[in-house]
C-alpha atoms as a PDB file:
ATOM      1  CA  MET A   1     -16.433  19.490 -17.753  1.00  0.00           C
ATOM      2  CA  GLU A   2     -14.652  17.875 -14.794  1.00  0.00           C
ATOM      3  CA  ALA A   3     -15.943  14.655 -13.310  1.00  0.00           C
ATOM      4  CA  GLY A   4     -17.056  16.344 -10.068  1.00  0.00           C
ATOM      5  CA  GLU A   5     -19.495  18.608 -11.988  1.00  0.00           C
ATOM      6  CA  ILE A   6     -20.951  15.620 -13.824  1.00  0.00           C
ATOM      7  CA  PHE A   7     -21.468  13.723 -10.571  1.00  0.00           C
ATOM      8  CA  LEU A   8     -23.057  16.822  -9.015  1.00  0.00           C
ATOM      9  CA  ARG A   9     -25.593  17.185 -11.841  1.00  0.00           C
ATOM     10  CA  LEU A  10     -26.477  13.530 -11.645  1.00  0.00           C
ATOM     11  CA  ALA A  11     -26.891  13.723  -7.843  1.00  0.00           C
ATOM     12  CA  ASP A  12     -29.037  16.819  -8.201  1.00  0.00           C
ATOM     13  CA  ARG A  13     -31.388  15.124 -10.664  1.00  0.00           C
ATOM     14  CA  LEU A  14     -31.572  12.050  -8.408  1.00  0.00           C
ATOM     15  CA  GLY A  15     -32.501  14.146  -5.391  1.00  0.00           C
ATOM     16  CA  LEU A  16     -29.337  13.259  -3.426  1.00  0.00           C
ATOM     17  CA  VAL A  17     -28.434  16.864  -2.600  1.00  0.00           C
ATOM     18  CA  PRO A  18     -30.047  18.275   0.545  1.00  0.00           C
ATOM     19  CA  GLU A  19     -31.426  21.787   0.656  1.00  0.00           C
ATOM     20  CA  ILE A  20     -28.562  24.215   1.247  1.00  0.00           C
ATOM     21  CA  PRO A  21     -29.216  27.405   3.200  1.00  0.00           C
ATOM     22  CA  ASP A  22     -28.570  30.780   1.609  1.00  0.00           C
ATOM     23  CA  ALA A  23     -26.034  31.540   4.356  1.00  0.00           C
ATOM     24  CA  LEU A  24     -23.656  28.934   2.895  1.00  0.00           C
ATOM     25  CA  TYR A  25     -23.938  30.340  -0.642  1.00  0.00           C
ATOM     26  CA  GLU A  26     -23.336  33.839   0.699  1.00  0.00           C
ATOM     27  CA  ALA A  27     -20.330  32.774   2.769  1.00  0.00           C
ATOM     28  CA  ALA A  28     -18.824  31.065  -0.300  1.00  0.00           C
ATOM     29  CA  ASP A  29     -19.413  34.148  -2.460  1.00  0.00           C
ATOM     30  CA  ARG A  30     -17.488  36.390  -0.064  1.00  0.00           C
ATOM     31  CA  GLY A  31     -14.317  34.530  -1.002  1.00  0.00           C
ATOM     32  CA  ASP A  32     -13.136  34.106   2.595  1.00  0.00           C
ATOM     33  CA  ARG A  33     -12.760  30.354   2.979  1.00  0.00           C
ATOM     34  CA  LEU A  34     -12.259  30.565   6.770  1.00  0.00           C
ATOM     35  CA  THR A  35     -15.611  32.307   7.075  1.00  0.00           C
ATOM     36  CA  PHE A  36     -17.137  29.724   4.767  1.00  0.00           C
ATOM     37  CA  GLY A  37     -15.622  26.945   6.890  1.00  0.00           C
ATOM     38  CA  ALA A  38     -17.208  28.365  10.050  1.00  0.00           C
ATOM     39  CA  ALA A  39     -20.618  28.633   8.322  1.00  0.00           C
ATOM     40  CA  LEU A  40     -20.295  25.087   7.050  1.00  0.00           C
ATOM     41  CA  GLY A  41     -19.438  23.833  10.551  1.00  0.00           C
ATOM     42  CA  ASP A  42     -22.549  25.481  11.929  1.00  0.00           C
ATOM     43  CA  TYR A  43     -24.655  23.946   9.189  1.00  0.00           C
ATOM     44  CA  LEU A  44     -23.294  20.435   9.801  1.00  0.00           C
ATOM     45  CA  GLN A  45     -23.789  20.740  13.551  1.00  0.00           C
ATOM     46  CA  SER A  46     -27.521  21.303  13.091  1.00  0.00           C
ATOM     47  CA  ASN A  47     -27.730  18.919  10.086  1.00  0.00           C
ATOM     48  CA  PRO A  48     -25.364  15.996  10.815  1.00  0.00           C
ATOM     49  CA  GLU A  49     -27.026  13.818   8.142  1.00  0.00           C
ATOM     50  CA  ALA A  50     -25.756  16.268   5.509  1.00  0.00           C
ATOM     51  CA  ARG A  51     -22.186  14.898   5.945  1.00  0.00           C
ATOM     52  CA  LYS A  52     -23.155  12.081   3.616  1.00  0.00           C
ATOM     53  CA  ALA A  53     -23.665  14.628   0.822  1.00  0.00           C
ATOM     54  CA  MET A  54     -20.584  16.760   1.580  1.00  0.00           C
ATOM     55  CA  PRO A  55     -18.999  16.534  -1.925  1.00  0.00           C
ATOM     56  CA  TYR A  56     -22.233  17.797  -3.464  1.00  0.00           C
ATOM     57  CA  ILE A  57     -22.741  20.559  -0.899  1.00  0.00           C
ATOM     58  CA  LEU A  58     -19.140  21.747  -1.406  1.00  0.00           C
ATOM     59  CA  SER A  59     -19.551  21.612  -5.191  1.00  0.00           C
ATOM     60  CA  LYS A  60     -22.640  23.791  -5.183  1.00  0.00           C
ATOM     61  CA  THR A  61     -21.173  26.406  -2.826  1.00  0.00           C
ATOM     62  CA  LEU A  62     -17.425  26.701  -2.603  1.00  0.00           C
ATOM     63  CA  GLY A  63     -17.005  24.780  -5.866  1.00  0.00           C
ATOM     64  CA  LYS A  64     -18.774  27.484  -7.796  1.00  0.00           C
ATOM     65  CA  LYS A  65     -16.470  30.127  -6.324  1.00  0.00           C
ATOM     66  CA  LEU A  66     -13.335  28.105  -7.047  1.00  0.00           C
ATOM     67  CA  GLY A  67     -14.558  26.935 -10.449  1.00  0.00           C
ATOM     68  CA  SER A  68     -13.933  23.334  -9.483  1.00  0.00           C
ATOM     69  CA  SER A  69     -15.870  20.704  -7.542  1.00  0.00           C
ATOM     70  CA  GLN A  70     -12.670  18.701  -6.974  1.00  0.00           C
ATOM     71  CA  LEU A  71     -10.792  21.669  -5.513  1.00  0.00           C
ATOM     72  CA  ALA A  72     -13.676  22.383  -3.122  1.00  0.00           C
ATOM     73  CA  SER A  73     -13.652  18.785  -1.814  1.00  0.00           C
ATOM     74  CA  PHE A  74      -9.845  18.834  -1.554  1.00  0.00           C
ATOM     75  CA  TRP A  75      -9.967  22.024   0.467  1.00  0.00           C
ATOM     76  CA  TRP A  76     -12.412  20.440   2.918  1.00  0.00           C
ATOM     77  CA  ALA A  77     -10.223  17.324   3.313  1.00  0.00           C
ATOM     78  CA  LEU A  78      -7.265  19.534   4.278  1.00  0.00           C
ATOM     79  CA  GLN A  79      -9.274  21.116   7.110  1.00  0.00           C
ATOM     80  CA  SER A  80      -9.238  17.899   9.193  1.00  0.00           C
ATOM     81  CA  LEU A  81      -5.610  16.810   9.027  1.00  0.00           C
ATOM     82  CA  PRO A  82      -4.645  14.482  11.948  1.00  0.00           C
ATOM     83  CA  PRO A  83      -1.977  15.616  14.457  1.00  0.00           C
ATOM     84  CA  ALA A  84       0.634  13.562  12.680  1.00  0.00           C
ATOM     85  CA  GLY A  85      -0.184  15.431   9.470  1.00  0.00           C
ATOM     86  CA  HIS A  86       0.531  18.719  11.207  1.00  0.00           C
ATOM     87  CA  GLU A  87       3.845  17.328  12.505  1.00  0.00           C
ATOM     88  CA  MET A  88       4.906  16.189   9.024  1.00  0.00           C
ATOM     89  CA  ALA A  89       3.834  19.466   7.372  1.00  0.00           C
ATOM     90  CA  SER A  90       5.888  21.449   9.874  1.00  0.00           C
ATOM     91  CA  ARG A  91       9.047  19.611   8.704  1.00  0.00           C
ATOM     92  CA  VAL A  92       8.742  21.226   5.291  1.00  0.00           C
ATOM     93  CA  GLY A  93       8.040  24.720   6.517  1.00  0.00           C
ATOM     94  CA  PHE A  94       4.263  24.867   7.083  1.00  0.00           C
ATOM     95  CA  ASN A  95       2.795  26.281  10.315  1.00  0.00           C
ATOM     96  CA  PRO A  96       0.828  23.683  12.316  1.00  0.00           C
ATOM     97  CA  GLY A  97      -2.410  24.833  13.827  1.00  0.00           C
ATOM     98  CA  PRO A  98      -5.961  25.751  12.812  1.00  0.00           C
ATOM     99  CA  GLY A  99      -4.868  27.506   9.625  1.00  0.00           C
ATOM    100  CA  LEU A 100      -2.638  24.706   8.291  1.00  0.00           C
ATOM    101  CA  GLY A 101      -5.197  23.299   5.823  1.00  0.00           C
ATOM    102  CA  GLU A 102      -5.756  26.695   4.259  1.00  0.00           C
ATOM    103  CA  GLU A 103      -2.018  27.346   4.104  1.00  0.00           C
ATOM    104  CA  ILE A 104      -1.346  24.085   2.263  1.00  0.00           C
ATOM    105  CA  PHE A 105      -4.327  24.628  -0.032  1.00  0.00           C
ATOM    106  CA  GLN A 106      -3.093  28.128  -0.968  1.00  0.00           C
ATOM    107  CA  ALA A 107       0.387  26.729  -1.679  1.00  0.00           C
ATOM    108  CA  ILE A 108      -1.141  24.155  -3.984  1.00  0.00           C
ATOM    109  CA  LEU A 109      -3.071  26.823  -5.908  1.00  0.00           C
ATOM    110  CA  GLN A 110       0.132  28.814  -6.321  1.00  0.00           C
ATOM    111  CA  HIS A 111       2.173  25.751  -7.416  1.00  0.00           C
ATOM    112  CA  PRO A 112       0.079  23.523  -9.665  1.00  0.00           C
ATOM    113  CA  GLU A 113       3.254  21.661 -10.591  1.00  0.00           C
ATOM    114  CA  GLY A 114       3.166  20.124  -7.077  1.00  0.00           C
ATOM    115  CA  ILE A 115       4.551  20.760  -3.609  1.00  0.00           C
ATOM    116  CA  TRP A 116       5.988  18.894  -0.672  1.00  0.00           C
ATOM    117  CA  ALA A 117       3.115  18.845   1.803  1.00  0.00           C
ATOM    118  CA  GLY A 118       4.911  16.961   4.541  1.00  0.00           C
ATOM    119  CA  GLU A 119       7.809  14.711   5.506  1.00  0.00           C
ATOM    120  CA  VAL A 120       7.922  11.688   7.792  1.00  0.00           C
ATOM    121  CA  ASP A 121      10.328  11.415  10.661  1.00  0.00           C
ATOM    122  CA  ALA A 122      13.647  10.524   9.075  1.00  0.00           C
ATOM    123  CA  GLU A 123      14.590   8.344  12.064  1.00  0.00           C
ATOM    124  CA  LYS A 124      11.297   6.512  12.442  1.00  0.00           C
ATOM    125  CA  TRP A 125      10.216   6.333   8.787  1.00  0.00           C
ATOM    126  CA  ASP A 126       6.761   5.488  10.049  1.00  0.00           C
ATOM    127  CA  HIS A 127       4.516   6.245   7.088  1.00  0.00           C
ATOM    128  CA  PHE A 128       1.462   5.018   9.011  1.00  0.00           C
ATOM    129  CA  GLN A 129       1.694   7.785  11.586  1.00  0.00           C
ATOM    130  CA  ALA A 130      -0.477   9.994   9.364  1.00  0.00           C
ATOM    131  CA  LEU A 131      -3.454   7.648   9.433  1.00  0.00           C
ATOM    132  CA  ALA A 132      -6.537   9.223  10.966  1.00  0.00           C
ATOM    133  CA  THR A 133      -8.160   5.950  12.076  1.00  0.00           C
ATOM    134  CA  GLU A 134      -8.492   5.381  15.834  1.00  0.00           C
ATOM    135  CA  ASP A 135      -6.456   2.181  15.763  1.00  0.00           C
ATOM    136  CA  GLY A 136      -3.801   3.582  13.397  1.00  0.00           C
ATOM    137  CA  ARG A 137      -4.455   0.914  10.785  1.00  0.00           C
ATOM    138  CA  ILE A 138      -5.911   0.720   7.287  1.00  0.00           C
ATOM    139  CA  ASN A 139      -9.176  -1.163   7.697  1.00  0.00           C
ATOM    140  CA  LEU A 140     -10.112  -3.235   4.662  1.00  0.00           C
ATOM    141  CA  ASN A 141     -13.300  -4.819   6.008  1.00  0.00           C
ATOM    142  CA  VAL A 142     -16.025  -3.684   3.584  1.00  0.00           C
ATOM    143  CA  HIS A 143     -19.292  -4.815   5.158  1.00  0.00           C
ATOM    144  CA  GLU A 144     -21.141  -4.899   1.801  1.00  0.00           C
ATOM    145  CA  MET A 145     -18.616  -7.471   0.542  1.00  0.00           C
ATOM    146  CA  THR A 146     -18.588  -9.838   3.542  1.00  0.00           C
ATOM    147  CA  ASP A 147     -20.990 -12.421   1.942  1.00  0.00           C
ATOM    148  CA  TRP A 148     -19.506 -11.934  -1.492  1.00  0.00           C
ATOM    149  CA  ILE A 149     -15.991 -12.781  -0.298  1.00  0.00           C
ATOM    150  CA  GLN A 150     -17.311 -16.082   1.099  1.00  0.00           C
ATOM    151  CA  GLU A 151     -18.284 -17.052  -2.426  1.00  0.00           C
ATOM    152  CA  ILE A 152     -14.645 -17.089  -3.553  1.00  0.00           C
ATOM    153  CA  ASP A 153     -14.589 -20.856  -3.623  1.00  0.00           C
ATOM    154  CA  PRO A 154     -13.257 -23.085  -6.459  1.00  0.00           C
ATOM    155  CA  VAL A 155     -16.205 -25.482  -6.315  1.00  0.00           C
ATOM    156  CA  MET A 156     -18.840 -22.729  -6.333  1.00  0.00           C
ATOM    157  CA  GLU A 157     -17.065 -20.843  -9.100  1.00  0.00           C
ATOM    158  CA  SER A 158     -16.798 -23.987 -11.255  1.00  0.00           C
ATOM    159  CA  GLU A 159     -20.523 -24.523 -10.955  1.00  0.00           C
ATOM    160  CA  LYS A 160     -21.263 -20.912 -11.822  1.00  0.00           C
ATOM    161  CA  LEU A 161     -19.031 -21.133 -14.913  1.00  0.00           C
ATOM    162  CA  LYS A 162     -21.283 -23.890 -16.254  1.00  0.00           C
ATOM    163  CA  GLU A 163     -24.473 -21.841 -16.086  1.00  0.00           C
ATOM    164  CA  ASP A 164     -26.072 -21.262 -19.487  1.00  0.00           C
ATOM    165  CA  GLU A 165     -23.287 -23.307 -21.096  1.00  0.00           C
ATOM    166  CA  GLU A 166     -25.666 -25.325 -23.249  1.00  0.00           C
ATOM    167  CA  ALA A 167     -27.445 -22.284 -24.750  1.00  0.00           C
ATOM    168  CA  TYR A 168     -24.318 -20.114 -24.873  1.00  0.00           C
ATOM    169  CA  PRO A 169     -21.223 -22.404 -25.183  1.00  0.00           C
ATOM    170  CA  PHE A 170     -18.697 -19.540 -25.739  1.00  0.00           C
ATOM    171  CA  ILE A 171     -17.440 -16.825 -23.463  1.00  0.00           C
ATOM    172  CA  MET A 172     -16.990 -13.414 -25.061  1.00  0.00           C
ATOM    173  CA  SER A 173     -14.956 -10.407 -24.085  1.00  0.00           C
ATOM    174  CA  SER A 174     -16.712  -7.172 -25.126  1.00  0.00           C
ATOM    175  CA  GLY A 175     -13.614  -5.088 -25.599  1.00  0.00           C
ATOM    176  CA  ARG A 176     -10.267  -5.706 -27.235  1.00  0.00           C
ATOM    177  CA  HIS A 177      -7.493  -3.114 -27.451  1.00  0.00           C
ATOM    178  CA  VAL A 178      -6.017  -2.766 -30.939  1.00  0.00           C
ATOM    179  CA  ASP A 179      -4.549   0.061 -32.996  1.00  0.00           C
ATOM    180  CA  TYR A 180      -7.829   0.538 -34.866  1.00  0.00           C
ATOM    181  CA  ASN A 181     -10.141   1.497 -32.005  1.00  0.00           C
ATOM    182  CA  ALA A 182     -10.296   4.230 -29.397  1.00  0.00           C
ATOM    183  CA  ASN A 183     -12.654   3.206 -26.598  1.00  0.00           C
ATOM    184  CA  THR A 184     -16.047   4.797 -27.426  1.00  0.00           C
ATOM    185  CA  GLN A 185     -14.662   7.387 -29.805  1.00  0.00           C
ATOM    186  CA  MET A 186     -15.342   6.683 -33.492  1.00  0.00           C
ATOM    187  CA  ARG A 187     -12.294   7.369 -35.586  1.00  0.00           C
ATOM    188  CA  ASP A 188     -12.727   8.402 -39.246  1.00  0.00           C
ATOM    189  CA  PRO A 189     -13.361   5.012 -40.954  1.00  0.00           C
ATOM    190  CA  ALA A 190     -10.940   6.101 -43.689  1.00  0.00           C
ATOM    191  CA  TRP A 191      -8.108   5.517 -41.228  1.00  0.00           C
ATOM    192  CA  ASN A 192      -8.944   1.810 -41.134  1.00  0.00           C
ATOM    193  CA  LYS A 193      -9.480   1.390 -44.905  1.00  0.00           C
ATOM    194  CA  GLY A 194      -8.049  -1.917 -46.050  1.00  0.00           C
ATOM    195  CA  LYS A 195      -7.551  -3.201 -42.487  1.00  0.00           C
ATOM    196  CA  ARG A 196      -9.395  -5.857 -40.548  1.00  0.00           C
ATOM    197  CA  ALA A 197     -10.368  -3.338 -37.899  1.00  0.00           C
ATOM    198  CA  CYS A 198     -13.388  -5.006 -36.274  1.00  0.00           C
ATOM    199  CA  THR A 199     -13.351  -8.779 -36.113  1.00  0.00           C
ATOM    200  CA  ALA A 200     -14.379 -11.486 -33.655  1.00  0.00           C
ATOM    201  CA  ILE A 201     -11.271 -13.569 -32.947  1.00  0.00           C
ATOM    202  CA  MET A 202     -11.702 -17.298 -32.451  1.00  0.00           C
ATOM    203  CA  HIS A 203      -9.225 -20.116 -31.772  1.00  0.00           C
ATOM    204  CA  PRO A 204      -8.525 -22.437 -34.742  1.00  0.00           C
ATOM    205  CA  GLU A 205      -9.793 -25.519 -32.838  1.00  0.00           C
ATOM    206  CA  ASP A 206     -13.208 -23.910 -32.287  1.00  0.00           C
ATOM    207  CA  ALA A 207     -13.392 -22.733 -35.930  1.00  0.00           C
ATOM    208  CA  GLU A 208     -12.609 -26.243 -37.180  1.00  0.00           C
ATOM    209  CA  ASN A 209     -15.228 -27.853 -34.910  1.00  0.00           C
ATOM    210  CA  LEU A 210     -17.885 -25.457 -36.179  1.00  0.00           C
ATOM    211  CA  GLY A 211     -16.808 -25.563 -39.791  1.00  0.00           C
ATOM    212  CA  PHE A 212     -15.936 -21.877 -39.882  1.00  0.00           C
ATOM    213  CA  SER A 213     -13.279 -20.303 -42.081  1.00  0.00           C
ATOM    214  CA  ASP A 214     -11.266 -17.136 -41.567  1.00  0.00           C
ATOM    215  CA  GLY A 215     -12.984 -14.041 -42.982  1.00  0.00           C
ATOM    216  CA  GLN A 216     -16.540 -15.307 -43.054  1.00  0.00           C
ATOM    217  CA  MET A 217     -19.374 -13.359 -41.408  1.00  0.00           C
ATOM    218  CA  VAL A 218     -20.832 -14.834 -38.270  1.00  0.00           C
ATOM    219  CA  LYS A 219     -23.657 -13.985 -35.905  1.00  0.00           C
ATOM    220  CA  VAL A 220     -22.764 -13.587 -32.219  1.00  0.00           C
ATOM    221  CA  THR A 221     -25.769 -13.944 -29.908  1.00  0.00           C
ATOM    222  CA  THR A 222     -25.984 -13.230 -26.153  1.00  0.00           C
ATOM    223  CA  GLU A 223     -28.808 -12.804 -23.693  1.00  0.00           C
ATOM    224  CA  ALA A 224     -28.795  -9.116 -24.527  1.00  0.00           C
ATOM    225  CA  GLY A 225     -28.899  -9.233 -28.335  1.00  0.00           C
ATOM    226  CA  GLU A 226     -26.981 -10.159 -31.471  1.00  0.00           C
ATOM    227  CA  GLU A 227     -24.394  -8.649 -33.826  1.00  0.00           C
ATOM    228  CA  THR A 228     -23.040  -9.761 -37.204  1.00  0.00           C
ATOM    229  CA  VAL A 229     -19.247  -9.509 -37.424  1.00  0.00           C
ATOM    230  CA  GLU A 230     -16.326 -10.792 -39.481  1.00  0.00           C
ATOM    231  CA  LEU A 231     -14.584 -13.859 -38.016  1.00  0.00           C
ATOM    232  CA  GLU A 232     -10.835 -13.922 -37.568  1.00  0.00           C
ATOM    233  CA  VAL A 233      -9.281 -17.300 -36.845  1.00  0.00           C
ATOM    234  CA  THR A 234      -6.178 -16.878 -34.717  1.00  0.00           C
ATOM    235  CA  ARG A 235      -4.243 -18.390 -31.786  1.00  0.00           C
ATOM    236  CA  ARG A 236      -4.275 -15.007 -30.041  1.00  0.00           C
ATOM    237  CA  THR A 237      -7.206 -16.275 -28.001  1.00  0.00           C
ATOM    238  CA  ARG A 238      -7.862 -19.559 -26.183  1.00  0.00           C
ATOM    239  CA  PRO A 239     -10.400 -22.229 -27.116  1.00  0.00           C
ATOM    240  CA  GLY A 240     -13.917 -21.330 -25.991  1.00  0.00           C
ATOM    241  CA  TYR A 241     -13.107 -17.572 -25.743  1.00  0.00           C
ATOM    242  CA  ILE A 242     -13.854 -14.981 -28.435  1.00  0.00           C
ATOM    243  CA  MET A 243     -13.108 -11.247 -28.361  1.00  0.00           C
ATOM    244  CA  ILE A 244     -14.675  -8.310 -30.170  1.00  0.00           C
ATOM    245  CA  PRO A 245     -13.109  -4.828 -29.983  1.00  0.00           C
ATOM    246  CA  HIS A 246     -15.114  -1.986 -28.514  1.00  0.00           C
ATOM    247  CA  GLY A 247     -15.677   1.407 -30.158  1.00  0.00           C
ATOM    248  CA  PHE A 248     -17.280   0.129 -33.357  1.00  0.00           C
ATOM    249  CA  GLY A 249     -20.794  -0.222 -34.696  1.00  0.00           C
ATOM    250  CA  LEU A 250     -21.364   3.510 -34.781  1.00  0.00           C
ATOM    251  CA  VAL A 251     -22.903   5.309 -37.740  1.00  0.00           C
ATOM    252  CA  PHE A 252     -20.692   7.562 -39.844  1.00  0.00           C
ATOM    253  CA  GLN A 253     -22.333   9.551 -42.641  1.00  0.00           C
ATOM    254  CA  GLY A 254     -25.230   7.109 -42.752  1.00  0.00           C
ATOM    255  CA  GLU A 255     -23.192   3.900 -42.844  1.00  0.00           C
ATOM    256  CA  THR A 256     -22.497   1.531 -39.911  1.00  0.00           C
ATOM    257  CA  TYR A 257     -18.880   0.415 -39.471  1.00  0.00           C
ATOM    258  CA  GLY A 258     -18.205  -2.758 -37.559  1.00  0.00           C
ATOM    259  CA  ALA A 259     -20.149  -4.400 -34.742  1.00  0.00           C
ATOM    260  CA  ASN A 260     -21.229  -2.704 -31.521  1.00  0.00           C
ATOM    261  CA  ALA A 261     -19.985  -5.003 -28.778  1.00  0.00           C
ATOM    262  CA  ASN A 262     -21.874  -3.053 -26.144  1.00  0.00           C
ATOM    263  CA  ARG A 263     -25.174  -4.312 -27.604  1.00  0.00           C
ATOM    264  CA  LEU A 264     -24.098  -7.771 -26.531  1.00  0.00           C
ATOM    265  CA  THR A 265     -23.649  -6.751 -22.869  1.00  0.00           C
ATOM    266  CA  LYS A 266     -26.583  -7.373 -20.524  1.00  0.00           C
ATOM    267  CA  ASN A 267     -27.157  -4.606 -18.024  1.00  0.00           C
ATOM    268  CA  THR A 268     -28.300  -7.085 -15.360  1.00  0.00           C
ATOM    269  CA  HIS A 269     -25.143  -9.213 -15.653  1.00  0.00           C
ATOM    270  CA  ARG A 270     -22.968  -6.896 -13.581  1.00  0.00           C
ATOM    271  CA  ASP A 271     -20.854  -6.253 -10.499  1.00  0.00           C
ATOM    272  CA  ARG A 272     -23.280  -6.261  -7.577  1.00  0.00           C
ATOM    273  CA  ILE A 273     -21.693  -3.233  -5.889  1.00  0.00           C
ATOM    274  CA  ALA A 274     -20.214  -1.028  -8.635  1.00  0.00           C
ATOM    275  CA  GLY A 275     -22.929  -1.934 -11.128  1.00  0.00           C
ATOM    276  CA  THR A 276     -20.314  -2.331 -13.957  1.00  0.00           C
ATOM    277  CA  PRO A 277     -21.381  -4.950 -16.542  1.00  0.00           C
ATOM    278  CA  TYR A 278     -19.137  -7.999 -16.862  1.00  0.00           C
ATOM    279  CA  HIS A 279     -17.633  -6.945 -20.166  1.00  0.00           C
ATOM    280  CA  ARG A 280     -14.963  -9.661 -19.992  1.00  0.00           C
ATOM    281  CA  PHE A 281     -17.280 -12.560 -19.293  1.00  0.00           C
ATOM    282  CA  ILE A 282     -20.391 -12.719 -21.501  1.00  0.00           C
ATOM    283  CA  ARG A 283     -21.950 -16.065 -22.414  1.00  0.00           C
ATOM    284  CA  CYS A 284     -22.613 -16.283 -26.137  1.00  0.00           C
ATOM    285  CA  ARG A 285     -23.040 -18.577 -29.145  1.00  0.00           C
ATOM    286  CA  VAL A 286     -21.531 -18.115 -32.595  1.00  0.00           C
ATOM    287  CA  GLU A 287     -23.381 -19.182 -35.749  1.00  0.00           C
ATOM    288  CA  ALA A 288     -22.822 -18.784 -39.478  1.00  0.00           C
ATOM    289  CA  THR A 289     -24.921 -16.077 -41.081  1.00  0.00           C
END
């Protein structure tokens, strides 16, 4: 299942998709995308707020006909090429005008290996001429990040790094890429027989201070939970920083193999916009079992 279909189903369950009139479904079913485009334009004119949900609307209508949510959104993007886009497309043989988007889209369907969709002026070499913004620039001012950017300050960051240091003196990375793991896919444990596939690596200085030895089992505790894992003493990490590979701790034929690093990740300790947990910076403590 492609990502667009997954996002559509989530959006549907969350109530983010507005009610779509039967006329749009019928226009999509006819297979004439120009007719569908006209119907979609009428719908948006009377429902301007629906533009916020355009990917979902396209997925449920034209996407079903094309068999792809992504293709439907891509088709719509091609319908609003800026004047410079028409000019560049004409240099490689396309016909500028109202039907240009459909012409390019059809060419892409016929040539999945890729096509030349346009060419900049060889004399000007102005790649920015195709930008659709009014000022002809790429605007990087993301309003939601204005306050966050102001927090990029060495003094403030140093203070934040000290938070919870007493209770959780180590920093852990929940995720380490090695030959023995495959993201969240559990490989047949037999592949890793005889190997140290899932260990928590710790710098020798830290191991010596705590009285730990290579190969012993330790308990790693975070705000989210705790996991027992084999300790590996190595200089492949720095003092104060431990790492546990992801993709382990799953049950295979009734037996658990390795430690599940995701159980040590707190869902509230995350990127404030994307919502992604801070997998590479998790406060923890390490104790002998």
